[in-house]
Amino acid sequence: MNGGPNWPLVGKWRILSTEMWDREALDSCGPAYFLFGEREGEARLIVMELSLDCGFSNTMVHFDFHGSDEGMEISGDGFAELREDGLIEGEISLRDGDESMYVARRWRAEDER
């Protein structure tokens, strides 16, 4: 199901932590984020730039992605689920087998740098 502007996960989310990468690595090319649109989105973390195809269900978004990691094409999938505290928690899985859980919060003005 496609999300609309009133779906709770539509918007930009600042990645706070992951199982696999520390904060310095996450932000190596700027603040790490997910941007979930009604059908499409984007993400940046580490040196990965990703385009997302999004599908929503209640307080979750599932996505497939493709993009680049230091010039190499990559793809995979993931999800995010809204927690009661307003954060999202999810997983990103690359087709090569790497996967990591993550936590993110709504983007704030101070995240711009």
N, C-alpha and C. Protein backbone atom coordinates (compact mmCIF):
# COMPACT_ATOMS: atom_id res chain seq x y z
N MET A 1 0.84 -1.16 0.00
CA MET A 1 0.00 0.00 0.00
C MET A 1 0.89 1.24 0.00
N ASN A 2 0.50 2.22 -0.78
CA ASN A 2 1.27 3.46 -0.82
C ASN A 2 0.91 4.34 0.37
N GLY A 3 1.85 5.11 0.82
CA GLY A 3 1.61 6.01 1.94
C GLY A 3 1.17 7.37 1.43
N GLY A 4 0.43 8.08 2.22
CA GLY A 4 0.05 9.45 1.90
C GLY A 4 0.74 10.39 2.87
N PRO A 5 0.53 11.69 2.69
CA PRO A 5 1.22 12.66 3.53
C PRO A 5 0.87 12.53 5.01
N ASN A 6 -0.25 11.90 5.33
CA ASN A 6 -0.65 11.75 6.74
C ASN A 6 -0.14 10.45 7.37
N TRP A 7 0.54 9.62 6.61
CA TRP A 7 1.09 8.40 7.19
C TRP A 7 2.22 8.79 8.12
N PRO A 8 2.31 8.16 9.29
CA PRO A 8 3.27 8.62 10.30
C PRO A 8 4.74 8.48 9.92
N LEU A 9 5.08 7.68 8.93
CA LEU A 9 6.50 7.50 8.60
C LEU A 9 6.96 8.35 7.42
N VAL A 10 6.02 8.99 6.71
CA VAL A 10 6.41 9.84 5.58
C VAL A 10 7.21 11.01 6.12
N GLY A 11 8.36 11.26 5.51
CA GLY A 11 9.21 12.37 5.92
C GLY A 11 10.66 11.93 6.07
N LYS A 12 11.46 12.83 6.59
CA LYS A 12 12.90 12.61 6.71
C LYS A 12 13.24 12.19 8.14
N TRP A 13 14.12 11.19 8.25
CA TRP A 13 14.51 10.61 9.53
C TRP A 13 16.02 10.58 9.65
N ARG A 14 16.54 11.06 10.77
CA ARG A 14 17.98 11.08 11.06
C ARG A 14 18.39 9.75 11.68
N ILE A 15 19.30 9.05 11.03
CA ILE A 15 19.77 7.77 11.57
C ILE A 15 20.69 8.06 12.76
N LEU A 16 20.32 7.53 13.91
CA LEU A 16 21.07 7.77 15.15
C LEU A 16 22.11 6.70 15.41
N SER A 17 21.77 5.45 15.13
CA SER A 17 22.69 4.36 15.43
C SER A 17 22.35 3.14 14.59
N THR A 18 23.35 2.29 14.40
CA THR A 18 23.17 1.00 13.73
C THR A 18 23.98 -0.04 14.49
N GLU A 19 23.67 -1.29 14.22
CA GLU A 19 24.46 -2.38 14.80
C GLU A 19 25.84 -2.47 14.17
N MET A 20 25.91 -2.16 12.88
CA MET A 20 27.12 -2.43 12.11
C MET A 20 28.11 -1.27 12.05
N TRP A 21 27.61 -0.03 12.00
CA TRP A 21 28.47 1.12 11.77
C TRP A 21 28.38 2.11 12.92
N ASP A 22 29.52 2.70 13.30
CA ASP A 22 29.49 3.72 14.34
C ASP A 22 29.09 5.07 13.74
N ARG A 23 28.85 6.05 14.59
CA ARG A 23 28.34 7.36 14.15
C ARG A 23 29.29 8.05 13.18
N GLU A 24 30.60 7.98 13.44
CA GLU A 24 31.57 8.62 12.56
C GLU A 24 31.48 8.03 11.15
N ALA A 25 31.39 6.71 11.05
CA ALA A 25 31.25 6.06 9.74
C ALA A 25 29.92 6.42 9.10
N LEU A 26 28.83 6.37 9.87
CA LEU A 26 27.50 6.69 9.34
C LEU A 26 27.48 8.05 8.67
N ASP A 27 28.12 9.03 9.28
CA ASP A 27 28.06 10.41 8.81
C ASP A 27 29.26 10.81 7.96
N SER A 28 29.98 9.86 7.41
CA SER A 28 31.21 10.18 6.67
C SER A 28 30.96 11.04 5.44
N CYS A 29 29.76 11.01 4.87
CA CYS A 29 29.44 11.85 3.70
C CYS A 29 28.32 12.83 4.02
N GLY A 30 28.17 13.19 5.28
CA GLY A 30 27.09 14.07 5.72
C GLY A 30 26.16 13.30 6.64
N PRO A 31 25.20 14.00 7.26
CA PRO A 31 24.30 13.34 8.20
C PRO A 31 23.54 12.18 7.55
N ALA A 32 23.58 11.03 8.19
CA ALA A 32 22.90 9.84 7.67
C ALA A 32 21.39 9.98 7.85
N TYR A 33 20.62 9.59 6.82
CA TYR A 33 19.17 9.76 6.89
C TYR A 33 18.43 8.78 5.99
N PHE A 34 17.14 8.64 6.27
CA PHE A 34 16.16 8.04 5.37
C PHE A 34 15.14 9.12 5.08
N LEU A 35 14.66 9.19 3.84
CA LEU A 35 13.56 10.06 3.45
C LEU A 35 12.52 9.17 2.80
N PHE A 36 11.39 8.99 3.49
CA PHE A 36 10.31 8.15 2.98
C PHE A 36 9.24 9.04 2.37
N GLY A 37 9.01 8.87 1.05
CA GLY A 37 7.94 9.57 0.37
C GLY A 37 6.73 8.66 0.25
N GLU A 38 5.70 9.13 -0.45
CA GLU A 38 4.48 8.34 -0.59
C GLU A 38 4.71 7.02 -1.31
N ARG A 39 5.62 7.02 -2.27
CA ARG A 39 5.94 5.79 -3.01
C ARG A 39 7.45 5.56 -3.13
N GLU A 40 8.18 6.64 -3.12
CA GLU A 40 9.63 6.58 -3.32
C GLU A 40 10.33 7.32 -2.20
N GLY A 41 11.61 7.12 -2.12
CA GLY A 41 12.38 7.82 -1.10
C GLY A 41 13.86 7.77 -1.43
N GLU A 42 14.66 8.16 -0.46
CA GLU A 42 16.10 8.12 -0.64
C GLU A 42 16.75 7.94 0.72
N ALA A 43 18.00 7.58 0.70
CA ALA A 43 18.76 7.42 1.94
C ALA A 43 20.23 7.67 1.66
N ARG A 44 20.91 8.12 2.71
CA ARG A 44 22.35 8.27 2.66
C ARG A 44 22.90 7.78 4.00
N LEU A 45 23.84 6.87 3.92
CA LEU A 45 24.56 6.43 5.11
C LEU A 45 25.89 5.88 4.67
N ILE A 46 26.90 6.12 5.48
CA ILE A 46 28.29 5.79 5.13
C ILE A 46 28.59 6.51 3.82
N VAL A 47 28.98 5.77 2.79
CA VAL A 47 29.19 6.33 1.46
C VAL A 47 28.14 5.82 0.49
N MET A 48 27.04 5.30 1.03
CA MET A 48 25.95 4.77 0.20
C MET A 48 24.93 5.86 -0.09
N GLU A 49 24.54 5.97 -1.35
CA GLU A 49 23.45 6.84 -1.79
C GLU A 49 22.40 5.91 -2.38
N LEU A 50 21.18 5.91 -1.81
CA LEU A 50 20.17 4.92 -2.17
C LEU A 50 18.89 5.57 -2.65
N SER A 51 18.24 4.94 -3.63
CA SER A 51 16.88 5.27 -4.05
C SER A 51 15.97 4.17 -3.52
N LEU A 52 14.83 4.57 -2.93
CA LEU A 52 13.94 3.62 -2.28
C LEU A 52 12.61 3.53 -3.02
N ASP A 53 12.06 2.33 -3.08
CA ASP A 53 10.68 2.09 -3.50
C ASP A 53 9.94 1.67 -2.24
N CYS A 54 8.97 2.48 -1.79
CA CYS A 54 8.36 2.31 -0.48
C CYS A 54 6.95 1.74 -0.56
N GLY A 55 6.60 0.92 0.41
CA GLY A 55 5.25 0.41 0.61
C GLY A 55 4.92 0.47 2.09
N PHE A 56 3.74 0.98 2.42
CA PHE A 56 3.37 1.23 3.80
C PHE A 56 2.29 0.28 4.30
N SER A 57 2.31 0.02 5.60
CA SER A 57 1.23 -0.70 6.28
C SER A 57 1.16 -0.19 7.72
N ASN A 58 0.09 0.47 8.06
CA ASN A 58 -0.11 1.05 9.40
C ASN A 58 1.11 1.84 9.86
N THR A 59 1.87 1.33 10.81
CA THR A 59 3.02 2.07 11.35
C THR A 59 4.34 1.51 10.85
N MET A 60 4.32 0.91 9.66
CA MET A 60 5.55 0.35 9.08
C MET A 60 5.71 0.81 7.64
N VAL A 61 6.96 0.84 7.21
CA VAL A 61 7.27 1.02 5.80
C VAL A 61 8.27 -0.08 5.43
N HIS A 62 8.02 -0.71 4.30
CA HIS A 62 8.96 -1.68 3.72
C HIS A 62 9.52 -1.04 2.47
N PHE A 63 10.78 -1.29 2.18
CA PHE A 63 11.37 -0.68 0.99
C PHE A 63 12.37 -1.61 0.33
N ASP A 64 12.43 -1.50 -0.98
CA ASP A 64 13.51 -2.07 -1.79
C ASP A 64 14.38 -0.89 -2.18
N PHE A 65 15.67 -1.13 -2.35
CA PHE A 65 16.54 -0.02 -2.74
C PHE A 65 17.56 -0.46 -3.76
N HIS A 66 18.06 0.54 -4.48
CA HIS A 66 19.22 0.38 -5.35
C HIS A 66 20.01 1.68 -5.24
N GLY A 67 21.29 1.58 -5.51
CA GLY A 67 22.12 2.77 -5.41
C GLY A 67 23.58 2.45 -5.59
N SER A 68 24.42 3.27 -4.96
CA SER A 68 25.86 3.07 -5.12
C SER A 68 26.56 3.12 -3.76
N ASP A 69 27.65 2.40 -3.71
CA ASP A 69 28.53 2.36 -2.54
C ASP A 69 29.94 2.50 -3.08
N GLU A 70 30.50 3.70 -2.98
CA GLU A 70 31.82 4.00 -3.55
C GLU A 70 31.90 3.63 -5.03
N GLY A 71 30.84 3.97 -5.77
CA GLY A 71 30.81 3.73 -7.21
C GLY A 71 30.33 2.36 -7.64
N MET A 72 30.18 1.43 -6.71
CA MET A 72 29.69 0.09 -7.05
C MET A 72 28.18 0.05 -6.87
N GLU A 73 27.48 -0.59 -7.82
CA GLU A 73 26.03 -0.71 -7.70
C GLU A 73 25.67 -1.69 -6.60
N ILE A 74 24.68 -1.30 -5.80
CA ILE A 74 24.20 -2.16 -4.72
C ILE A 74 22.67 -2.17 -4.73
N SER A 75 22.10 -3.17 -4.08
CA SER A 75 20.64 -3.24 -3.93
C SER A 75 20.33 -4.03 -2.68
N GLY A 76 19.08 -3.97 -2.28
CA GLY A 76 18.65 -4.69 -1.10
C GLY A 76 17.26 -4.27 -0.69
N ASP A 77 16.94 -4.51 0.57
CA ASP A 77 15.64 -4.14 1.09
C ASP A 77 15.74 -3.81 2.57
N GLY A 78 14.63 -3.39 3.12
CA GLY A 78 14.61 -3.05 4.53
C GLY A 78 13.22 -2.67 4.99
N PHE A 79 13.15 -2.28 6.24
CA PHE A 79 11.88 -1.83 6.81
C PHE A 79 12.15 -0.86 7.94
N ALA A 80 11.12 -0.15 8.32
CA ALA A 80 11.15 0.72 9.50
C ALA A 80 9.79 0.61 10.18
N GLU A 81 9.81 0.60 11.50
CA GLU A 81 8.58 0.53 12.28
C GLU A 81 8.59 1.63 13.33
N LEU A 82 7.46 2.33 13.43
CA LEU A 82 7.33 3.41 14.39
C LEU A 82 7.18 2.84 15.80
N ARG A 83 8.03 3.31 16.71
CA ARG A 83 7.95 2.88 18.11
C ARG A 83 7.05 3.84 18.89
N GLU A 84 6.63 3.42 20.06
CA GLU A 84 5.77 4.25 20.90
C GLU A 84 6.44 5.55 21.33
N ASP A 85 7.78 5.56 21.40
CA ASP A 85 8.50 6.77 21.81
C ASP A 85 8.73 7.75 20.65
N GLY A 86 8.18 7.45 19.45
CA GLY A 86 8.30 8.34 18.31
C GLY A 86 9.51 8.10 17.44
N LEU A 87 10.42 7.24 17.86
CA LEU A 87 11.56 6.86 17.03
C LEU A 87 11.13 5.76 16.08
N ILE A 88 11.94 5.51 15.05
CA ILE A 88 11.71 4.34 14.22
C ILE A 88 12.87 3.38 14.43
N GLU A 89 12.56 2.12 14.27
CA GLU A 89 13.56 1.06 14.38
C GLU A 89 13.34 0.15 13.18
N GLY A 90 14.43 -0.29 12.57
CA GLY A 90 14.29 -1.13 11.40
C GLY A 90 15.56 -1.86 11.06
N GLU A 91 15.56 -2.39 9.85
CA GLU A 91 16.71 -3.14 9.36
C GLU A 91 16.94 -2.79 7.91
N ILE A 92 18.20 -2.72 7.52
CA ILE A 92 18.59 -2.57 6.13
C ILE A 92 19.45 -3.77 5.77
N SER A 93 19.11 -4.42 4.65
CA SER A 93 19.80 -5.64 4.22
C SER A 93 20.29 -5.48 2.79
N LEU A 94 21.59 -5.61 2.60
CA LEU A 94 22.17 -5.56 1.27
C LEU A 94 22.14 -6.95 0.66
N ARG A 95 22.00 -7.02 -0.65
CA ARG A 95 21.90 -8.31 -1.33
C ARG A 95 23.16 -9.16 -1.13
N ASP A 96 24.30 -8.53 -0.81
CA ASP A 96 25.53 -9.30 -0.62
C ASP A 96 25.57 -10.00 0.74
N GLY A 97 24.56 -9.78 1.57
CA GLY A 97 24.50 -10.46 2.85
C GLY A 97 24.67 -9.57 4.06
N ASP A 98 25.25 -8.37 3.91
CA ASP A 98 25.37 -7.46 5.05
C ASP A 98 24.00 -6.97 5.46
N GLU A 99 23.74 -6.93 6.76
CA GLU A 99 22.49 -6.37 7.26
C GLU A 99 22.75 -5.73 8.61
N SER A 100 21.93 -4.73 8.92
CA SER A 100 22.11 -4.03 10.18
C SER A 100 20.78 -3.46 10.65
N MET A 101 20.53 -3.57 11.94
CA MET A 101 19.40 -2.89 12.57
C MET A 101 19.81 -1.43 12.75
N TYR A 102 18.81 -0.53 12.80
CA TYR A 102 19.09 0.88 13.01
C TYR A 102 17.96 1.53 13.81
N VAL A 103 18.25 2.69 14.36
CA VAL A 103 17.28 3.53 15.06
C VAL A 103 17.42 4.93 14.47
N ALA A 104 16.27 5.61 14.25
CA ALA A 104 16.28 6.96 13.70
C ALA A 104 15.19 7.80 14.36
N ARG A 105 15.37 9.12 14.28
CA ARG A 105 14.36 10.05 14.79
C ARG A 105 14.02 11.04 13.68
N ARG A 106 12.92 11.76 13.87
CA ARG A 106 12.55 12.79 12.90
C ARG A 106 13.69 13.78 12.70
N TRP A 107 13.86 14.19 11.46
CA TRP A 107 14.88 15.17 11.09
C TRP A 107 14.57 16.50 11.78
N ARG A 108 15.61 17.17 12.25
CA ARG A 108 15.48 18.48 12.89
C ARG A 108 16.32 19.49 12.14
N ALA A 109 16.01 20.76 12.33
CA ALA A 109 16.75 21.83 11.65
C ALA A 109 18.24 21.75 11.95
N GLU A 110 18.60 21.37 13.17
CA GLU A 110 20.03 21.32 13.52
C GLU A 110 20.77 20.18 12.83
N ASP A 111 20.04 19.28 12.17
CA ASP A 111 20.70 18.19 11.46
C ASP A 111 21.32 18.66 10.15
N GLU A 112 20.89 19.82 9.65
CA GLU A 112 21.48 20.38 8.43
C GLU A 112 22.89 20.86 8.76
N ARG A 113 23.85 20.46 7.94
CA ARG A 113 25.22 20.96 8.13
C ARG A 113 25.97 20.91 6.85
